[in-house]
């Protein structure tokens, strides 16, 4: 998972509050929602969903309103994360980490110039070698859409058909290894099995930091996704008091910084920035420049139009 120090942070929390922490890991947001719908809403105390799935959780009443009296550290959140379109005022959610999706590549196999466009993967004539697409519907469809000059969140059937056709054609090229979650793609680039993979920035940055001569990470010029994950409490959580303690603890400046310094994702916590590794704060792969920010898109909840997106993705994966 690599999303927190799985040994130290739960142990620190347990030592401070006397509350035992057990972690459960899910592959994607859709799997998490299915678990909650199947009874998980009464089994888990905290979930960490992505922004685009939040309207589903709120509308289906799978999460409960937060008690702000138990969250004095909410004041530490940056304004951007306090007034989201789906949850203004943090009624249901508190930002955990944020980041982007981009291209991780091997500098010994791919030129820095080539990776400035998604054509390095999506144009068969420009592919430099074996690569992975990301196994995540909205990120992968969104990238295909912006590459074709369309809206990242388009639900126009023609746009989605063209994006799906492009991904099917890409999948059939000799260099495409298929679809893989971000961590798996990153591991294969590090191992030299793949020359490139579409990954979440935090997954890439840890490895790039360790081997900057061989590995790189970039957001191609056509653009990509900006996302953030939030902490929420399921509607029938067995220990809601403990859940509030965890959220408030993560919002402590030093704890928030420890989290981001470990996983190298960006912190939404303004008070934590004083404790962030200075090199990370300066790294545009973690904290994008204003120019890069202009090319990034939040994934919107598509409501009933989700069905069209899912159909396009099913066709992409099955053909």
C-alpha atoms as a PDB file:
ATOM      1  CA  UNK A   1       0.000   0.000   0.000  1.00  0.00           C
ATOM      2  CA  UNK A   2       2.804   2.430   0.970  1.00  0.00           C
ATOM      3  CA  UNK A   3       0.188   5.047   1.980  1.00  0.00           C
ATOM      4  CA  UNK A   4       1.395   5.325   5.571  1.00  0.00           C
ATOM      5  CA  UNK A   5       4.038   3.753   7.759  1.00  0.00           C
ATOM      6  CA  UNK A   6       1.869   0.734   8.573  1.00  0.00           C
ATOM      7  CA  UNK A   7       3.876  -0.259  11.644  1.00  0.00           C
ATOM      8  CA  UNK A   8       4.832   3.048  13.226  1.00  0.00           C
ATOM      9  CA  UNK A   9       1.694   5.186  12.829  1.00  0.00           C
ATOM     10  CA  UNK A  10      -0.866   2.707  14.240  1.00  0.00           C
ATOM     11  CA  UNK A  11       1.585   1.930  17.088  1.00  0.00           C
ATOM     12  CA  UNK A  12       2.016   5.662  17.845  1.00  0.00           C
ATOM     13  CA  UNK A  13      -1.757   6.155  17.927  1.00  0.00           C
ATOM     14  CA  UNK A  14      -2.229   3.122  20.171  1.00  0.00           C
ATOM     15  CA  UNK A  15       0.453   4.357  22.550  1.00  0.00           C
ATOM     16  CA  UNK A  16      -1.128   7.818  22.791  1.00  0.00           C
ATOM     17  CA  UNK A  17      -4.801   6.829  23.081  1.00  0.00           C
ATOM     18  CA  UNK A  18      -4.770   3.162  24.139  1.00  0.00           C
ATOM     19  CA  UNK A  19      -6.842   2.301  21.058  1.00  0.00           C
ATOM     20  CA  UNK A  20      -5.811  -0.672  18.894  1.00  0.00           C
ATOM     21  CA  UNK A  21      -5.684  -0.043  15.113  1.00  0.00           C
ATOM     22  CA  UNK A  22      -6.310  -2.715  12.481  1.00  0.00           C
ATOM     23  CA  UNK A  23      -5.750  -1.905   8.800  1.00  0.00           C
ATOM     24  CA  UNK A  24      -7.731  -3.341   5.894  1.00  0.00           C
ATOM     25  CA  UNK A  25      -6.617  -2.572   2.328  1.00  0.00           C
ATOM     26  CA  UNK A  26      -8.870  -2.378  -0.739  1.00  0.00           C
ATOM     27  CA  UNK A  27      -7.866  -2.306  -4.418  1.00  0.00           C
ATOM     28  CA  UNK A  28     -10.054   0.632  -5.544  1.00  0.00           C
ATOM     29  CA  UNK A  29     -12.939   2.889  -4.526  1.00  0.00           C
ATOM     30  CA  UNK A  30     -15.571   0.774  -6.249  1.00  0.00           C
ATOM     31  CA  UNK A  31     -14.518  -2.271  -4.208  1.00  0.00           C
ATOM     32  CA  UNK A  32     -14.710  -0.191  -1.016  1.00  0.00           C
ATOM     33  CA  UNK A  33     -18.272   0.981  -1.812  1.00  0.00           C
ATOM     34  CA  UNK A  34     -19.347  -2.619  -2.516  1.00  0.00           C
ATOM     35  CA  UNK A  35     -17.919  -3.684   0.879  1.00  0.00           C
ATOM     36  CA  UNK A  36     -19.810  -0.906   2.672  1.00  0.00           C
ATOM     37  CA  UNK A  37     -23.065  -1.774   0.861  1.00  0.00           C
ATOM     38  CA  UNK A  38     -22.604  -5.425   1.850  1.00  0.00           C
ATOM     39  CA  UNK A  39     -22.494  -4.627   5.576  1.00  0.00           C
ATOM     40  CA  UNK A  40     -19.068  -3.031   5.953  1.00  0.00           C
ATOM     41  CA  UNK A  41     -20.665   0.234   7.123  1.00  0.00           C
ATOM     42  CA  UNK A  42     -21.017  -1.437  10.543  1.00  0.00           C
ATOM     43  CA  UNK A  43     -17.564  -3.101  10.510  1.00  0.00           C
ATOM     44  CA  UNK A  44     -15.164  -0.207   9.836  1.00  0.00           C
ATOM     45  CA  UNK A  45     -14.548   2.957  11.867  1.00  0.00           C
ATOM     46  CA  UNK A  46     -12.593   4.942   9.239  1.00  0.00           C
ATOM     47  CA  UNK A  47     -12.474   4.771   5.456  1.00  0.00           C
ATOM     48  CA  UNK A  48     -10.218   6.762   3.108  1.00  0.00           C
ATOM     49  CA  UNK A  49     -12.135   7.286  -0.169  1.00  0.00           C
ATOM     50  CA  UNK A  50     -11.172   9.392  -3.191  1.00  0.00           C
ATOM     51  CA  UNK A  51     -12.945  12.661  -4.008  1.00  0.00           C
ATOM     52  CA  UNK A  52     -14.994  11.425  -6.985  1.00  0.00           C
ATOM     53  CA  UNK A  53     -16.696   8.618  -5.019  1.00  0.00           C
ATOM     54  CA  UNK A  54     -17.736  10.934  -2.160  1.00  0.00           C
ATOM     55  CA  UNK A  55     -21.156  11.907  -3.622  1.00  0.00           C
ATOM     56  CA  UNK A  56     -22.064   8.207  -3.820  1.00  0.00           C
ATOM     57  CA  UNK A  57     -21.121   7.681  -0.149  1.00  0.00           C
ATOM     58  CA  UNK A  58     -23.092  10.753   0.934  1.00  0.00           C
ATOM     59  CA  UNK A  59     -26.176  10.086  -1.227  1.00  0.00           C
ATOM     60  CA  UNK A  60     -26.391   6.436  -0.191  1.00  0.00           C
ATOM     61  CA  UNK A  61     -25.908   7.413   3.468  1.00  0.00           C
ATOM     62  CA  UNK A  62     -22.914   5.107   3.807  1.00  0.00           C
ATOM     63  CA  UNK A  63     -21.044   7.687   5.913  1.00  0.00           C
ATOM     64  CA  UNK A  64     -22.107   9.809   8.900  1.00  0.00           C
ATOM     65  CA  UNK A  65     -21.792  13.544   9.595  1.00  0.00           C
ATOM     66  CA  UNK A  66     -18.689  14.465  11.596  1.00  0.00           C
ATOM     67  CA  UNK A  67     -18.817  16.067  15.045  1.00  0.00           C
ATOM     68  CA  UNK A  68     -16.668  19.178  14.597  1.00  0.00           C
ATOM     69  CA  UNK A  69     -16.514  19.702  18.369  1.00  0.00           C
ATOM     70  CA  UNK A  70     -14.295  16.592  18.443  1.00  0.00           C
ATOM     71  CA  UNK A  71     -12.089  17.885  15.593  1.00  0.00           C
ATOM     72  CA  UNK A  72     -10.427  21.097  16.827  1.00  0.00           C
ATOM     73  CA  UNK A  73      -7.535  20.512  14.392  1.00  0.00           C
ATOM     74  CA  UNK A  74      -9.842  21.036  11.396  1.00  0.00           C
ATOM     75  CA  UNK A  75      -8.579  24.611  11.483  1.00  0.00           C
ATOM     76  CA  UNK A  76      -5.257  23.311  10.097  1.00  0.00           C
ATOM     77  CA  UNK A  77      -6.728  22.374   6.687  1.00  0.00           C
ATOM     78  CA  UNK A  78      -5.960  24.621   3.711  1.00  0.00           C
ATOM     79  CA  UNK A  79      -9.028  26.506   2.355  1.00  0.00           C
ATOM     80  CA  UNK A  80      -8.974  24.438  -0.883  1.00  0.00           C
ATOM     81  CA  UNK A  81      -9.835  21.352   1.165  1.00  0.00           C
ATOM     82  CA  UNK A  82     -12.469  22.997   3.347  1.00  0.00           C
ATOM     83  CA  UNK A  83     -14.892  23.989   0.602  1.00  0.00           C
ATOM     84  CA  UNK A  84     -15.106  21.060  -1.796  1.00  0.00           C
ATOM     85  CA  UNK A  85     -18.009  20.992  -4.252  1.00  0.00           C
ATOM     86  CA  UNK A  86     -19.383  17.734  -2.808  1.00  0.00           C
ATOM     87  CA  UNK A  87     -18.844  18.450   0.905  1.00  0.00           C
ATOM     88  CA  UNK A  88     -18.619  22.186   1.693  1.00  0.00           C
ATOM     89  CA  UNK A  89     -17.579  22.828   5.284  1.00  0.00           C
ATOM     90  CA  UNK A  90     -16.322  19.268   5.843  1.00  0.00           C
ATOM     91  CA  UNK A  91     -19.667  17.945   7.021  1.00  0.00           C
ATOM     92  CA  UNK A  92     -18.705  14.362   6.106  1.00  0.00           C
ATOM     93  CA  UNK A  93     -15.039  14.321   5.195  1.00  0.00           C
ATOM     94  CA  UNK A  94     -11.570  15.580   6.071  1.00  0.00           C
ATOM     95  CA  UNK A  95      -8.775  15.628   3.471  1.00  0.00           C
ATOM     96  CA  UNK A  96      -6.024  13.058   4.117  1.00  0.00           C
ATOM     97  CA  UNK A  97      -3.542  13.449   1.219  1.00  0.00           C
ATOM     98  CA  UNK A  98      -3.633  14.811  -2.314  1.00  0.00           C
ATOM     99  CA  UNK A  99      -1.724  14.235  -5.494  1.00  0.00           C
ATOM    100  CA  UNK A 100      -1.709  13.661  -9.217  1.00  0.00           C
ATOM    101  CA  UNK A 101      -1.525  10.887 -11.802  1.00  0.00           C
ATOM    102  CA  UNK A 102       1.331  10.958 -14.289  1.00  0.00           C
ATOM    103  CA  UNK A 103       3.925   8.994 -16.186  1.00  0.00           C
ATOM    104  CA  UNK A 104       6.803   7.200 -14.501  1.00  0.00           C
ATOM    105  CA  UNK A 105       9.575   6.236 -16.890  1.00  0.00           C
ATOM    106  CA  UNK A 106      13.112   4.937 -17.185  1.00  0.00           C
ATOM    107  CA  UNK A 107      15.475   7.706 -18.252  1.00  0.00           C
ATOM    108  CA  UNK A 108      17.874   5.132 -19.733  1.00  0.00           C
ATOM    109  CA  UNK A 109      15.132   3.974 -22.154  1.00  0.00           C
ATOM    110  CA  UNK A 110      12.907   7.017 -22.772  1.00  0.00           C
ATOM    111  CA  UNK A 111      13.944  10.591 -23.546  1.00  0.00           C
ATOM    112  CA  UNK A 112      12.715  13.488 -21.402  1.00  0.00           C
ATOM    113  CA  UNK A 113      11.338  15.062 -24.600  1.00  0.00           C
ATOM    114  CA  UNK A 114       9.229  12.000 -25.478  1.00  0.00           C
ATOM    115  CA  UNK A 115       7.375  11.963 -22.159  1.00  0.00           C
ATOM    116  CA  UNK A 116       6.045  15.507 -22.593  1.00  0.00           C
ATOM    117  CA  UNK A 117       3.042  13.975 -24.413  1.00  0.00           C
ATOM    118  CA  UNK A 118       0.813  10.975 -23.696  1.00  0.00           C
ATOM    119  CA  UNK A 119       1.562   9.996 -27.319  1.00  0.00           C
ATOM    120  CA  UNK A 120       4.618   8.200 -25.896  1.00  0.00           C
ATOM    121  CA  UNK A 121       2.146   5.448 -24.928  1.00  0.00           C
ATOM    122  CA  UNK A 122      -0.983   6.162 -26.949  1.00  0.00           C
ATOM    123  CA  UNK A 123       0.651   6.476 -30.377  1.00  0.00           C
ATOM    124  CA  UNK A 124       1.893   3.047 -31.534  1.00  0.00           C
ATOM    125  CA  UNK A 125       4.693   4.632 -33.594  1.00  0.00           C
ATOM    126  CA  UNK A 126       6.170   6.460 -30.599  1.00  0.00           C
ATOM    127  CA  UNK A 127       6.176   3.718 -27.940  1.00  0.00           C
ATOM    128  CA  UNK A 128       9.695   3.227 -26.519  1.00  0.00           C
ATOM    129  CA  UNK A 129       9.165  -0.275 -25.115  1.00  0.00           C
ATOM    130  CA  UNK A 130       7.025  -2.278 -22.689  1.00  0.00           C
ATOM    131  CA  UNK A 131       4.600  -0.229 -20.540  1.00  0.00           C
ATOM    132  CA  UNK A 132       1.556  -0.437 -18.268  1.00  0.00           C
ATOM    133  CA  UNK A 133      -1.676   1.552 -18.439  1.00  0.00           C
ATOM    134  CA  UNK A 134      -3.289   2.272 -15.058  1.00  0.00           C
ATOM    135  CA  UNK A 135      -6.089  -0.065 -13.997  1.00  0.00           C
ATOM    136  CA  UNK A 136      -8.467   2.637 -12.803  1.00  0.00           C
ATOM    137  CA  UNK A 137     -11.496   3.639 -14.828  1.00  0.00           C
ATOM    138  CA  UNK A 138     -11.690   7.392 -14.309  1.00  0.00           C
ATOM    139  CA  UNK A 139      -7.944   8.097 -14.429  1.00  0.00           C
ATOM    140  CA  UNK A 140      -7.357   6.031 -17.566  1.00  0.00           C
ATOM    141  CA  UNK A 141     -10.473   7.166 -19.421  1.00  0.00           C
ATOM    142  CA  UNK A 142      -9.781  10.795 -18.399  1.00  0.00           C
ATOM    143  CA  UNK A 143      -6.225  10.656 -19.759  1.00  0.00           C
ATOM    144  CA  UNK A 144      -7.456   9.160 -23.051  1.00  0.00           C
ATOM    145  CA  UNK A 145     -10.087  11.917 -23.272  1.00  0.00           C
ATOM    146  CA  UNK A 146      -7.691  14.836 -22.661  1.00  0.00           C
ATOM    147  CA  UNK A 147      -5.178  13.316 -25.074  1.00  0.00           C
ATOM    148  CA  UNK A 148      -7.904  13.505 -27.733  1.00  0.00           C
ATOM    149  CA  UNK A 149      -8.663  17.121 -26.819  1.00  0.00           C
ATOM    150  CA  UNK A 150     -11.875  16.346 -24.902  1.00  0.00           C
ATOM    151  CA  UNK A 151     -13.057  17.150 -21.384  1.00  0.00           C
ATOM    152  CA  UNK A 152     -11.471  14.911 -18.710  1.00  0.00           C
ATOM    153  CA  UNK A 153     -14.994  14.260 -17.331  1.00  0.00           C
ATOM    154  CA  UNK A 154     -16.842  14.007 -20.670  1.00  0.00           C
ATOM    155  CA  UNK A 155     -19.944  11.801 -20.823  1.00  0.00           C
ATOM    156  CA  UNK A 156     -20.542  12.461 -24.517  1.00  0.00           C
ATOM    157  CA  UNK A 157     -21.044   8.948 -25.999  1.00  0.00           C
ATOM    158  CA  UNK A 158     -18.946   9.842 -29.075  1.00  0.00           C
ATOM    159  CA  UNK A 159     -16.057  11.067 -26.911  1.00  0.00           C
ATOM    160  CA  UNK A 160     -16.182   7.960 -24.733  1.00  0.00           C
ATOM    161  CA  UNK A 161     -16.348   5.634 -27.739  1.00  0.00           C
ATOM    162  CA  UNK A 162     -13.285   7.346 -29.247  1.00  0.00           C
ATOM    163  CA  UNK A 163     -11.404   7.128 -25.935  1.00  0.00           C
ATOM    164  CA  UNK A 164     -12.305   3.445 -25.505  1.00  0.00           C
ATOM    165  CA  UNK A 165     -11.300   2.711 -29.126  1.00  0.00           C
ATOM    166  CA  UNK A 166      -7.941   4.408 -28.508  1.00  0.00           C
ATOM    167  CA  UNK A 167      -7.316   2.344 -25.364  1.00  0.00           C
ATOM    168  CA  UNK A 168      -8.320  -0.909 -27.101  1.00  0.00           C
ATOM    169  CA  UNK A 169      -5.937  -0.098 -29.985  1.00  0.00           C
ATOM    170  CA  UNK A 170      -3.188   0.769 -27.473  1.00  0.00           C
ATOM    171  CA  UNK A 171      -3.804  -2.433 -25.552  1.00  0.00           C
ATOM    172  CA  UNK A 172      -3.286  -4.442 -28.747  1.00  0.00           C
ATOM    173  CA  UNK A 173       0.138  -2.945 -29.518  1.00  0.00           C
ATOM    174  CA  UNK A 174       3.100  -5.258 -28.883  1.00  0.00           C
ATOM    175  CA  UNK A 175       4.519  -2.978 -26.161  1.00  0.00           C
ATOM    176  CA  UNK A 176       1.410  -2.649 -23.983  1.00  0.00           C
ATOM    177  CA  UNK A 177       1.465  -5.103 -21.085  1.00  0.00           C
ATOM    178  CA  UNK A 178      -2.150  -4.284 -20.171  1.00  0.00           C
ATOM    179  CA  UNK A 179      -3.662  -2.573 -17.134  1.00  0.00           C
ATOM    180  CA  UNK A 180      -2.137  -2.591 -13.646  1.00  0.00           C
ATOM    181  CA  UNK A 181      -2.722  -0.630 -10.408  1.00  0.00           C
ATOM    182  CA  UNK A 182      -0.220   2.189  -9.816  1.00  0.00           C
ATOM    183  CA  UNK A 183       2.048   0.428  -7.288  1.00  0.00           C
ATOM    184  CA  UNK A 184       2.410  -2.654  -9.509  1.00  0.00           C
ATOM    185  CA  UNK A 185       3.251  -0.524 -12.547  1.00  0.00           C
ATOM    186  CA  UNK A 186       5.790   1.451 -10.515  1.00  0.00           C
ATOM    187  CA  UNK A 187       7.465  -1.736  -9.275  1.00  0.00           C
ATOM    188  CA  UNK A 188       7.864  -3.025 -12.841  1.00  0.00           C
ATOM    189  CA  UNK A 189       9.449   0.258 -13.995  1.00  0.00           C
ATOM    190  CA  UNK A 190      11.896   0.101 -11.064  1.00  0.00           C
ATOM    191  CA  UNK A 191      12.715  -3.540 -11.899  1.00  0.00           C
ATOM    192  CA  UNK A 192      13.233  -2.716 -15.574  1.00  0.00           C
ATOM    193  CA  UNK A 193      10.379  -5.017 -16.682  1.00  0.00           C
ATOM    194  CA  UNK A 194       8.593  -1.960 -18.086  1.00  0.00           C
ATOM    195  CA  UNK A 195      10.065   1.281 -19.445  1.00  0.00           C
ATOM    196  CA  UNK A 196       7.025   3.344 -18.402  1.00  0.00           C
ATOM    197  CA  UNK A 197       3.776   3.155 -16.433  1.00  0.00           C
ATOM    198  CA  UNK A 198       0.899   5.463 -15.540  1.00  0.00           C
ATOM    199  CA  UNK A 199       1.003   5.806 -11.749  1.00  0.00           C
ATOM    200  CA  UNK A 200       0.026   7.993  -8.790  1.00  0.00           C
ATOM    201  CA  UNK A 201       2.713  10.567  -8.114  1.00  0.00           C
ATOM    202  CA  UNK A 202       3.500   9.434  -4.548  1.00  0.00           C
ATOM    203  CA  UNK A 203       4.171   5.890  -5.705  1.00  0.00           C
ATOM    204  CA  UNK A 204       6.630   7.187  -8.308  1.00  0.00           C
ATOM    205  CA  UNK A 205       8.338   9.928  -6.285  1.00  0.00           C
ATOM    206  CA  UNK A 206       9.667   7.578  -3.571  1.00  0.00           C
ATOM    207  CA  UNK A 207      11.524   5.534  -6.195  1.00  0.00           C
ATOM    208  CA  UNK A 208      12.596   8.556  -8.273  1.00  0.00           C
ATOM    209  CA  UNK A 209      14.091  10.155  -5.144  1.00  0.00           C
ATOM    210  CA  UNK A 210      16.155   7.005  -4.536  1.00  0.00           C
ATOM    211  CA  UNK A 211      17.387   6.727  -8.142  1.00  0.00           C
ATOM    212  CA  UNK A 212      16.999  10.084  -9.949  1.00  0.00           C
ATOM    213  CA  UNK A 213      19.534   9.215 -12.662  1.00  0.00           C
ATOM    214  CA  UNK A 214      17.522   6.259 -13.935  1.00  0.00           C
ATOM    215  CA  UNK A 215      13.923   7.125 -13.056  1.00  0.00           C
ATOM    216  CA  UNK A 216      11.654  10.091 -13.811  1.00  0.00           C
ATOM    217  CA  UNK A 217       8.061  11.245 -13.267  1.00  0.00           C
ATOM    218  CA  UNK A 218       6.184  13.787 -15.366  1.00  0.00           C
ATOM    219  CA  UNK A 219       2.685  15.070 -16.084  1.00  0.00           C
ATOM    220  CA  UNK A 220       2.450  15.197 -19.902  1.00  0.00           C
ATOM    221  CA  UNK A 221       1.357  18.434 -21.552  1.00  0.00           C
ATOM    222  CA  UNK A 222      -2.190  17.339 -22.416  1.00  0.00           C
ATOM    223  CA  UNK A 223      -2.944  17.141 -18.691  1.00  0.00           C
ATOM    224  CA  UNK A 224      -4.060  14.615 -16.112  1.00  0.00           C
ATOM    225  CA  UNK A 225      -5.880  14.191 -12.825  1.00  0.00           C
ATOM    226  CA  UNK A 226      -5.558  15.948  -9.489  1.00  0.00           C
ATOM    227  CA  UNK A 227      -7.171  13.991  -6.676  1.00  0.00           C
ATOM    228  CA  UNK A 228      -7.477  13.970  -2.968  1.00  0.00           C
ATOM    229  CA  UNK A 229      -8.439  11.271  -0.531  1.00  0.00           C
ATOM    230  CA  UNK A 230     -10.428  11.976   2.611  1.00  0.00           C
ATOM    231  CA  UNK A 231     -11.078  10.406   5.983  1.00  0.00           C
ATOM    232  CA  UNK A 232     -14.724   9.534   6.630  1.00  0.00           C
ATOM    233  CA  UNK A 233     -16.659   7.581   9.254  1.00  0.00           C
ATOM    234  CA  UNK A 234     -19.051   4.846   7.975  1.00  0.00           C
ATOM    235  CA  UNK A 235     -22.706   5.313   8.918  1.00  0.00           C
ATOM    236  CA  UNK A 236     -22.783   2.496  11.481  1.00  0.00           C
ATOM    237  CA  UNK A 237     -19.149   2.606  12.634  1.00  0.00           C
ATOM    238  CA  UNK A 238     -18.782   0.616  15.880  1.00  0.00           C
ATOM    239  CA  UNK A 239     -16.345   3.118  17.477  1.00  0.00           C
ATOM    240  CA  UNK A 240     -17.157   6.637  16.199  1.00  0.00           C
ATOM    241  CA  UNK A 241     -15.373   8.339  19.143  1.00  0.00           C
ATOM    242  CA  UNK A 242     -12.151   6.521  18.333  1.00  0.00           C
ATOM    243  CA  UNK A 243     -12.611   7.452  14.662  1.00  0.00           C
ATOM    244  CA  UNK A 244     -12.858  11.157  15.548  1.00  0.00           C
ATOM    245  CA  UNK A 245      -9.691  10.809  17.658  1.00  0.00           C
ATOM    246  CA  UNK A 246      -7.847   9.305  14.673  1.00  0.00           C
ATOM    247  CA  UNK A 247      -8.953  12.075  12.297  1.00  0.00           C
ATOM    248  CA  UNK A 248      -8.024  14.825  14.750  1.00  0.00           C
ATOM    249  CA  UNK A 249      -4.660  13.139  15.417  1.00  0.00           C
ATOM    250  CA  UNK A 250      -3.814  12.967  11.683  1.00  0.00           C
ATOM    251  CA  UNK A 251      -4.550  16.725  11.565  1.00  0.00           C
ATOM    252  CA  UNK A 252      -1.826  17.421  14.174  1.00  0.00           C
ATOM    253  CA  UNK A 253       0.933  19.365  12.351  1.00  0.00           C
ATOM    254  CA  UNK A 254       3.753  16.920  13.197  1.00  0.00           C
ATOM    255  CA  UNK A 255       1.633  13.827  12.503  1.00  0.00           C
ATOM    256  CA  UNK A 256       0.388  15.186   9.168  1.00  0.00           C
ATOM    257  CA  UNK A 257       3.980  15.971   8.199  1.00  0.00           C
ATOM    258  CA  UNK A 258       5.201  12.518   9.279  1.00  0.00           C
ATOM    259  CA  UNK A 259       2.545  10.978   7.034  1.00  0.00           C
ATOM    260  CA  UNK A 260       3.517  13.042   3.966  1.00  0.00           C
ATOM    261  CA  UNK A 261       7.256  12.746   4.593  1.00  0.00           C
ATOM    262  CA  UNK A 262       6.818   8.963   4.573  1.00  0.00           C
ATOM    263  CA  UNK A 263       4.604   8.499   1.512  1.00  0.00           C
ATOM    264  CA  UNK A 264       5.717  11.633  -0.406  1.00  0.00           C
ATOM    265  CA  UNK A 265       2.196  12.730  -1.255  1.00  0.00           C
ATOM    266  CA  UNK A 266       1.239  16.357  -0.657  1.00  0.00           C
ATOM    267  CA  UNK A 267      -0.310  17.378   2.653  1.00  0.00           C
ATOM    268  CA  UNK A 268      -3.627  19.292   2.732  1.00  0.00           C
ATOM    269  CA  UNK A 269      -2.597  20.476   6.216  1.00  0.00           C
ATOM    270  CA  UNK A 270      -1.251  24.051   6.200  1.00  0.00           C
ATOM    271  CA  UNK A 271       0.153  23.696   9.726  1.00  0.00           C
ATOM    272  CA  UNK A 272       2.092  20.555   8.713  1.00  0.00           C
ATOM    273  CA  UNK A 273       4.103  22.295   5.976  1.00  0.00           C
ATOM    274  CA  UNK A 274       6.589  23.709   8.507  1.00  0.00           C
ATOM    275  CA  UNK A 275       7.608  20.104   9.269  1.00  0.00           C
ATOM    276  CA  UNK A 276       7.699  18.772   5.684  1.00  0.00           C
ATOM    277  CA  UNK A 277      11.075  17.743   4.226  1.00  0.00           C
ATOM    278  CA  UNK A 278      12.258  20.937   2.441  1.00  0.00           C
ATOM    279  CA  UNK A 279      13.265  19.044  -0.733  1.00  0.00           C
ATOM    280  CA  UNK A 280       9.739  17.606  -0.973  1.00  0.00           C
ATOM    281  CA  UNK A 281       8.127  21.053  -0.673  1.00  0.00           C
ATOM    282  CA  UNK A 282      10.285  22.199  -3.605  1.00  0.00           C
ATOM    283  CA  UNK A 283       9.581  19.093  -5.712  1.00  0.00           C
ATOM    284  CA  UNK A 284       7.020  19.856  -8.491  1.00  0.00           C
ATOM    285  CA  UNK A 285       6.265  16.123  -8.706  1.00  0.00           C
ATOM    286  CA  UNK A 286       4.734  16.424  -5.215  1.00  0.00           C
ATOM    287  CA  UNK A 287       3.636  20.076  -5.068  1.00  0.00           C
ATOM    288  CA  UNK A 288       2.905  20.977  -8.718  1.00  0.00           C
ATOM    289  CA  UNK A 289       3.889  24.385 -10.071  1.00  0.00           C
ATOM    290  CA  UNK A 290       1.087  26.830 -10.993  1.00  0.00           C
ATOM    291  CA  UNK A 291       1.676  25.925 -14.679  1.00  0.00           C
ATOM    292  CA  UNK A 292       1.165  22.218 -13.984  1.00  0.00           C
ATOM    293  CA  UNK A 293      -1.876  22.935 -11.777  1.00  0.00           C
ATOM    294  CA  UNK A 294      -3.589  24.548 -14.792  1.00  0.00           C
ATOM    295  CA  UNK A 295      -3.387  21.215 -16.655  1.00  0.00           C
ATOM    296  CA  UNK A 296      -4.925  19.139 -13.853  1.00  0.00           C
ATOM    297  CA  UNK A 297      -8.559  18.100 -13.543  1.00  0.00           C
ATOM    298  CA  UNK A 298     -10.608  16.930 -10.578  1.00  0.00           C
ATOM    299  CA  UNK A 299     -12.634  13.802 -11.324  1.00  0.00           C
ATOM    300  CA  UNK A 300     -16.323  14.722 -11.035  1.00  0.00           C
ATOM    301  CA  UNK A 301     -19.099  12.416  -9.916  1.00  0.00           C
ATOM    302  CA  UNK A 302     -21.066  11.694 -13.088  1.00  0.00           C
ATOM    303  CA  UNK A 303     -24.290  10.633 -11.354  1.00  0.00           C
ATOM    304  CA  UNK A 304     -26.500   8.658 -13.722  1.00  0.00           C
ATOM    305  CA  UNK A 305     -23.971   9.198 -16.517  1.00  0.00           C
ATOM    306  CA  UNK A 306     -21.560   6.882 -14.660  1.00  0.00           C
ATOM    307  CA  UNK A 307     -23.256   4.048 -16.517  1.00  0.00           C
ATOM    308  CA  UNK A 308     -21.986   5.300 -19.907  1.00  0.00           C
ATOM    309  CA  UNK A 309     -18.447   5.633 -18.507  1.00  0.00           C
ATOM    310  CA  UNK A 310     -18.592   2.127 -17.017  1.00  0.00           C
ATOM    311  CA  UNK A 311     -19.838   0.660 -20.312  1.00  0.00           C
ATOM    312  CA  UNK A 312     -16.930   2.286 -22.186  1.00  0.00           C
ATOM    313  CA  UNK A 313     -14.472   0.937 -19.617  1.00  0.00           C
ATOM    314  CA  UNK A 314     -15.958  -2.571 -19.751  1.00  0.00           C
ATOM    315  CA  UNK A 315     -15.535  -2.530 -23.522  1.00  0.00           C
ATOM    316  CA  UNK A 316     -11.963  -1.314 -23.130  1.00  0.00           C
ATOM    317  CA  UNK A 317     -11.068  -4.112 -20.713  1.00  0.00           C
ATOM    318  CA  UNK A 318     -12.902  -6.944 -22.501  1.00  0.00           C
ATOM    319  CA  UNK A 319     -11.881  -6.326 -26.133  1.00  0.00           C
END
